[in-house]
Amino acid sequence: MNKKILLGFILVLLLPVTACAPSSDSTSSSGNGAKVQSFTTGAIPDQDPEKLQRLYGKLAAYLEAELKVPVEYKPVIDYAAAVTAFRVGDLDLVWFGGLTGVQARLQVEEAEAIAQRDIDAEFHTVFIANKSSGIKPIKNIKDLKVLKGHTLTFGSESSTSGRLMPQYFLQQAGVTLDDFQGEVGFSKSHDATIQLVEAGSYKVGALNEQVWKSRVAAGNVDLKKVELIWRTPAYYDYHWVINPKVKERYGDDFVERVQAALLKLDPNVPEQKEILDLFGATKFISTKNDNYAQIEAIGRKIGKIK
């Protein structure tokens, strides 16, 4: 047989095999063979990256089973990157703090806050101090003046509990950032704030109360070196925000389906309790955009929202 004819015959035989080969993109096939684009989740990187990877990996698996669509967790490098990824459509559902949630929703028309933890309707910041500073526990907001002249670190520059609200309460007490020794620091995460104050790199730090409590309970804080000195009044904080474009891919009821899946997480189911425990919550509850009006107003006053 002519070699060219033989080669052509072999290629024809191989075509069906090639056509059936799996592709390596972020989609999967539905029952009728159509490709389904992954539903992407993300979160502000406010804690240890390994803990976040474990948490959101488990949550992605849960949501995939509940929603019947492929779900993928995509980590981001910082708070601003989470907002940008949501705005450009790289992330569909993001666990934001109060401030970043407002920033994201202002950039994406019809984006919705759909759920928060039970603890987020009355959230708190704590101020901690290295014991060598001599700072004693503070009983009311006006006594924050005793922090003047000490070094201070916040968390991320866009953190609600680690920067926005503590700065707001300091202002309420008549304390400005210029009143601290040197430049105010930004540790980039709540865990890092604890470590820096414990080491004495900064005498005072402000962070998420839930992270503080969980690290103390786990024995990860040296209470001989650092202590809690003040707990702020309550405010709304963390919440899930979803991009409205998901309706175009998965149907008009998809936002409601995602919200229902989050609210359905049950502490009586071991696998789901593990997810809730990693979030530091006993359940998720519904929320709405209007709940973050105070955060938006303070963000504009401080200059974090233009």
Foldseek 3Di string as FASTA:
>chain_A
DPPVVVVVVVVVVCVVVVVPDDDPDQWDADPVRDTAHAQEEEEFCADDPVLVCVLVVLVQVLVCVQQVGRYYYDYDDHLVRVLVCLLVVVHFKYWFKLQSLVSNPVSADPKKFWKDFPQQAWWKKFKKFWVVVVDAADDDLLVCVVQFAFAEEFEACRHVQRHLVVQVSCVVNVHHQVRYPDHYHYQNHQVSQQVCRLVVVGGMGMDTPLVVVVCVVVVNHDVVTMDTRDMDGTAGIITMIGHCCVCVRRNPCVVVSSSVSQQPQACVDPSSVVSQVSVVHRGMDTDTPVSSPVVVVSCVVVVVHD
